[in-house]
Structures are given as C-alpha cells and as structure tokens.
Protein backbone atom coordinates (compact mmCIF):
# COMPACT_ATOMS: atom_id res chain seq x y z
CA MET A 1 -14.29 54.83 -95.52
CA SER A 2 -13.39 54.41 -91.84
CA HIS A 3 -14.43 51.41 -89.79
CA LEU A 4 -17.31 51.62 -87.36
CA GLU A 5 -16.32 52.36 -83.78
CA PRO A 6 -17.87 50.26 -80.98
CA ALA A 7 -20.03 53.23 -79.92
CA GLU A 8 -21.36 53.57 -83.48
CA ILE A 9 -22.08 49.86 -83.68
CA ALA A 10 -23.91 50.06 -80.35
CA LYS A 11 -25.99 52.98 -81.60
CA LEU A 12 -26.98 51.09 -84.73
CA LEU A 13 -27.88 47.95 -82.77
CA SER A 14 -29.93 49.96 -80.28
CA ALA A 15 -31.80 51.69 -83.11
CA GLY A 16 -33.25 48.36 -84.23
CA SER A 17 -34.14 47.37 -87.80
CA PRO A 18 -33.08 48.30 -90.44
CA PHE A 19 -30.05 49.90 -88.76
CA ALA A 20 -29.05 46.78 -86.83
CA GLU A 21 -29.39 44.66 -89.97
CA SER A 22 -27.22 47.11 -91.94
CA CYS A 23 -24.61 47.00 -89.19
CA ARG A 24 -24.57 43.20 -89.21
CA HIS A 25 -24.34 43.16 -93.02
CA LEU A 26 -21.35 45.51 -92.95
CA ALA A 27 -19.71 43.45 -90.20
CA ALA A 28 -20.11 40.34 -92.34
CA VAL A 29 -18.02 41.83 -95.15
CA CYS A 30 -15.48 43.83 -93.09
CA THR A 31 -13.18 41.96 -90.71
CA VAL A 32 -12.49 44.96 -88.45
CA CYS A 33 -16.16 45.89 -88.14
CA GLY A 34 -16.99 42.21 -87.61
CA GLN A 35 -14.52 42.02 -84.71
CA ARG A 36 -15.94 45.18 -83.17
CA LEU A 37 -19.49 43.88 -83.51
CA ALA A 38 -18.39 40.66 -81.80
CA GLU A 39 -16.88 42.70 -78.94
CA VAL A 40 -20.13 44.65 -78.47
CA GLU A 41 -22.19 41.45 -78.55
CA ALA A 42 -19.82 39.82 -76.04
CA LEU A 43 -20.33 42.77 -73.68
CA MET A 44 -24.11 42.48 -74.10
CA GLN A 45 -23.93 38.78 -73.30
CA ARG A 46 -21.62 39.23 -70.31
CA PHE A 47 -23.67 42.02 -68.72
CA ARG A 48 -27.00 40.53 -69.83
CA HIS A 49 -28.22 43.95 -70.85
CA TRP A 50 -30.73 44.64 -73.60
CA ASP A 51 -29.27 47.96 -74.80
CA ALA A 52 -25.95 47.94 -76.69
CA GLU A 53 -25.31 51.64 -76.08
CA THR A 54 -25.61 51.23 -72.31
CA VAL A 55 -23.31 48.22 -72.32
CA VAL A 56 -20.63 49.96 -74.41
CA ARG A 57 -20.85 53.03 -72.18
CA GLU A 58 -20.81 51.18 -68.86
CA GLY A 59 -19.22 47.79 -69.45
CA PRO A 60 -15.55 48.64 -70.06
CA ALA A 61 -15.45 50.99 -67.04
CA ALA A 62 -17.38 48.71 -64.69
CA GLU A 63 -14.44 46.61 -63.44
CA VAL A 64 -12.34 49.69 -62.64
CA LEU A 65 -15.25 51.39 -60.86
CA PHE A 66 -16.02 48.23 -58.90
CA GLU A 67 -12.40 47.86 -57.75
CA ALA A 68 -12.32 51.54 -56.76
CA LEU A 69 -15.56 51.08 -54.81
CA LEU A 70 -14.15 48.14 -52.87
CA GLU A 71 -10.89 49.93 -52.14
CA LYS A 72 -12.42 53.26 -51.10
CA GLY A 73 -15.28 51.74 -49.14
CA LYS A 74 -13.09 49.26 -47.20
CA ASN A 75 -16.07 47.21 -45.95
CA PRO A 76 -19.74 46.51 -46.75
CA GLN A 77 -20.98 49.56 -44.81
CA GLY A 78 -18.47 51.79 -46.58
CA TRP A 79 -19.42 50.35 -49.97
CA ALA A 80 -23.10 51.05 -49.31
CA ALA A 81 -22.34 54.62 -48.25
CA LEU A 82 -20.28 55.27 -51.39
CA VAL A 83 -22.95 53.79 -53.64
CA GLU A 84 -25.60 55.96 -52.00
CA LYS A 85 -23.74 59.23 -52.50
CA ASP A 86 -21.79 58.73 -55.74
CA PRO A 87 -23.85 58.15 -58.92
CA ASP A 88 -20.74 56.90 -60.74
CA TYR A 89 -21.28 53.59 -58.93
CA GLN A 90 -25.01 53.47 -59.64
CA THR A 91 -24.77 51.61 -62.94
CA TRP A 92 -25.92 48.29 -64.27
CA GLY A 93 -22.30 47.47 -65.12
CA VAL A 94 -21.00 47.93 -61.57
CA ALA A 95 -23.94 45.95 -60.14
CA TRP A 96 -23.28 43.13 -62.59
CA VAL A 97 -19.55 42.98 -61.79
CA ALA A 98 -20.43 42.76 -58.08
CA LEU A 99 -22.85 39.91 -58.82
CA GLU A 100 -20.24 38.12 -60.95
CA GLY A 101 -17.82 38.40 -58.04
CA ALA A 102 -20.39 36.93 -55.68
CA HIS A 103 -21.00 33.97 -57.99
CA LYS A 104 -17.27 33.25 -58.19
CA LEU A 105 -16.96 33.25 -54.39
CA ILE A 106 -20.14 31.39 -53.46
CA ALA A 107 -18.73 27.94 -54.21
CA GLU A 108 -16.12 28.05 -51.47
CA ASP A 109 -17.16 27.97 -47.83
CA ALA A 110 -14.27 30.25 -46.85
CA THR A 111 -15.55 33.05 -49.08
CA ARG A 112 -19.32 32.71 -48.65
CA ALA A 113 -19.57 35.76 -46.38
CA GLN A 114 -17.76 37.86 -48.98
CA ALA A 115 -20.04 36.43 -51.68
CA ARG A 116 -23.08 37.46 -49.65
CA ASN A 117 -21.68 40.97 -49.16
CA LEU A 118 -21.07 41.38 -52.89
CA ALA A 119 -24.54 40.07 -53.75
CA LEU A 120 -26.09 42.54 -51.30
CA LEU A 121 -23.99 45.29 -52.86
CA ALA A 122 -25.34 44.34 -56.30
CA ALA A 123 -28.90 44.45 -54.90
CA ARG A 124 -28.26 47.87 -53.35
CA ILE A 125 -26.94 49.27 -56.62
CA ALA A 126 -29.89 47.76 -58.51
CA ALA A 127 -32.27 49.52 -56.11
CA LEU A 128 -30.63 52.84 -57.00
CA LEU A 129 -30.71 52.46 -60.78
CA GLY A 130 -32.48 55.41 -62.36
CA ALA A 131 -35.39 55.74 -64.74
CA SER A 132 -33.16 55.24 -67.79
CA TYR A 133 -33.10 51.51 -66.96
CA ASN A 134 -36.02 49.26 -67.80
CA PRO A 135 -37.74 48.44 -64.47
CA ASP A 136 -38.55 44.86 -65.51
CA TRP A 137 -34.89 44.12 -66.23
CA VAL A 138 -33.84 45.86 -63.02
CA ALA A 139 -36.25 43.57 -61.16
CA ASP A 140 -34.54 40.56 -62.77
CA LEU A 141 -31.17 41.88 -61.58
CA LYS A 142 -32.55 42.38 -58.06
CA ALA A 143 -33.99 38.84 -58.06
CA LEU A 144 -30.63 37.37 -59.02
CA ALA A 145 -28.77 39.47 -56.44
CA HIS A 146 -31.13 38.63 -53.56
CA ALA A 147 -31.20 34.95 -54.49
CA THR A 148 -27.39 34.91 -54.57
CA ALA A 149 -27.25 36.61 -51.16
CA ALA A 150 -29.63 33.99 -49.76
CA ALA A 151 -27.63 31.11 -51.26
CA ALA A 152 -24.36 32.55 -49.91
CA GLY A 153 -25.65 32.74 -46.34
CA PRO A 154 -23.99 30.34 -43.94
CA PRO A 155 -26.18 27.36 -43.02
CA GLY A 156 -28.18 27.95 -39.87
CA ALA A 157 -26.95 31.52 -39.37
CA ASP A 158 -29.44 34.38 -39.12
CA SER A 159 -32.30 32.51 -40.72
CA ALA A 160 -34.51 35.62 -40.55
CA GLU A 161 -32.10 37.48 -42.85
CA THR A 162 -32.02 34.54 -45.25
CA VAL A 163 -35.82 34.48 -45.33
CA ARG A 164 -35.82 38.23 -46.11
CA GLN A 165 -33.44 37.64 -49.02
CA VAL A 166 -35.55 34.76 -50.34
CA ALA A 167 -38.70 36.88 -50.12
CA ALA A 168 -36.99 39.82 -51.86
CA ALA A 169 -35.78 37.50 -54.64
CA VAL A 170 -39.24 36.00 -55.24
CA THR A 171 -40.92 39.44 -55.16
CA ALA A 172 -38.43 40.90 -57.63
CA LEU A 173 -38.72 37.86 -59.89
CA ASP A 174 -42.49 38.34 -59.96
CA GLN A 175 -41.98 41.99 -61.03
CA GLY A 176 -39.39 41.14 -63.69
CA THR A 177 -39.42 40.30 -67.37
CA GLY A 178 -40.72 36.76 -66.97
CA ASP A 179 -37.61 35.42 -68.71
CA PRO A 180 -37.58 31.65 -68.05
CA ALA A 181 -33.75 31.61 -67.93
CA VAL A 182 -33.75 34.17 -65.10
CA ALA A 183 -36.46 32.25 -63.25
CA THR A 184 -34.46 29.02 -63.58
CA GLU A 185 -31.30 30.70 -62.28
CA VAL A 186 -33.10 32.31 -59.34
CA MET A 187 -34.87 29.08 -58.41
CA GLY A 188 -31.59 27.18 -58.67
CA LEU A 189 -29.99 29.57 -56.19
CA LEU A 190 -32.99 29.38 -53.85
CA SER A 191 -32.94 25.59 -53.99
CA GLN A 192 -29.43 25.77 -52.49
CA VAL A 193 -30.98 27.57 -49.51
CA LEU A 194 -33.54 24.80 -49.08
CA ARG A 195 -30.82 22.15 -49.24
CA GLN A 196 -28.86 23.98 -46.52
CA VAL A 197 -31.95 24.06 -44.31
CA ALA A 198 -32.58 20.34 -44.87
CA GLU A 199 -29.01 19.37 -43.94
C-alpha cells in the first residue's frame, strides 16, 4: 500500500469525521504518513486557515507568488494593479504571506512604511477573495491586515488615514468569526496606535 500524499491527507481532514479520524489513526502507525500529516497541520497553523485542502493547494505556492508580485509590481500601486487583474494573486495564501511580511517589518522604525504597504496589500487581496472563502474568516483576515496597517503608520503622520485603518479593522472584526484570539491580536495592534498618539 502506498503512503498518503499531502493532498489526500488534506482531503480526508477537510471531509471531517470519520475520515479525519481514520487519517490520524493511519498517521499514528505509519511514520511517513505521520510526517505528511504534520506538514499539512503545520501549513494550517501557519496560514491560520480552516480548510486543509485550501492550505495544501495555496500554501506551498504562496511565497513564490508573493515574491513575483513584489518584483513585477515594483511599488504599492503596481502591486495593487497586479492583484486586481490577476486572480493568481487573489488567494488566502498570498494575503497571509504579505501580512507575515508586514509583521516582521513593523518592529523596526526604518521599515514601518514597507510594513504598512504590505499590510494594505494583504487587506486588498482579502477584499478580492472569492465566494469559495468563508466570509467570516475573510473578515478576520481583513481586521488583522487593517490593524497592522494602522499600527505600522508613522506617529503623527496622516492621522486621517490611520483613523480609516482603525475603523476598517474594527468593522471587519465585528463581521468576523468572533474568535477571541483574533480579537486579542487586533486589539493589541490597535493599542500600539493609541500609544503612538499618546506619545
């Protein structure tokens, strides 16, 4: 008998019980299948996506697509134009990689503008995600992206834009899944904005 491929594992996990339980049981007794299950679960955790099939389909290609988007687009306006016209970039995976990039850059003052641009790119992609994505989860992604964009804004610069990002984050959070972890993360990012204003 051949080992389960990651796509097969994802299909079983997405099918729910008893298929997911059977997959986990097989993975517990087969080292190769266990490693592949761990890889699929790691992708699900990294991309914070509820559907294993979507993550396996989009996750591995997301980094390459994101890098191609940045290279071809050259600047934030070019990125937005590419995202608008090319559905290859309109995926949860690409949006999540952009948001990860923003979070990595937000800590350093020298890269805050780039962090804001990447967060806005993630929000733009999230706004274009099709009907195959759960709208509540998409709203969570939008909330995180807008909150990150607000937190990455330079202190005292274009306060009207920062207020728009804060409002968009709160609105999206209200439309989302209600996941307390998402709410905590969004509020943590927005509290950074308030600290900047107070300084």
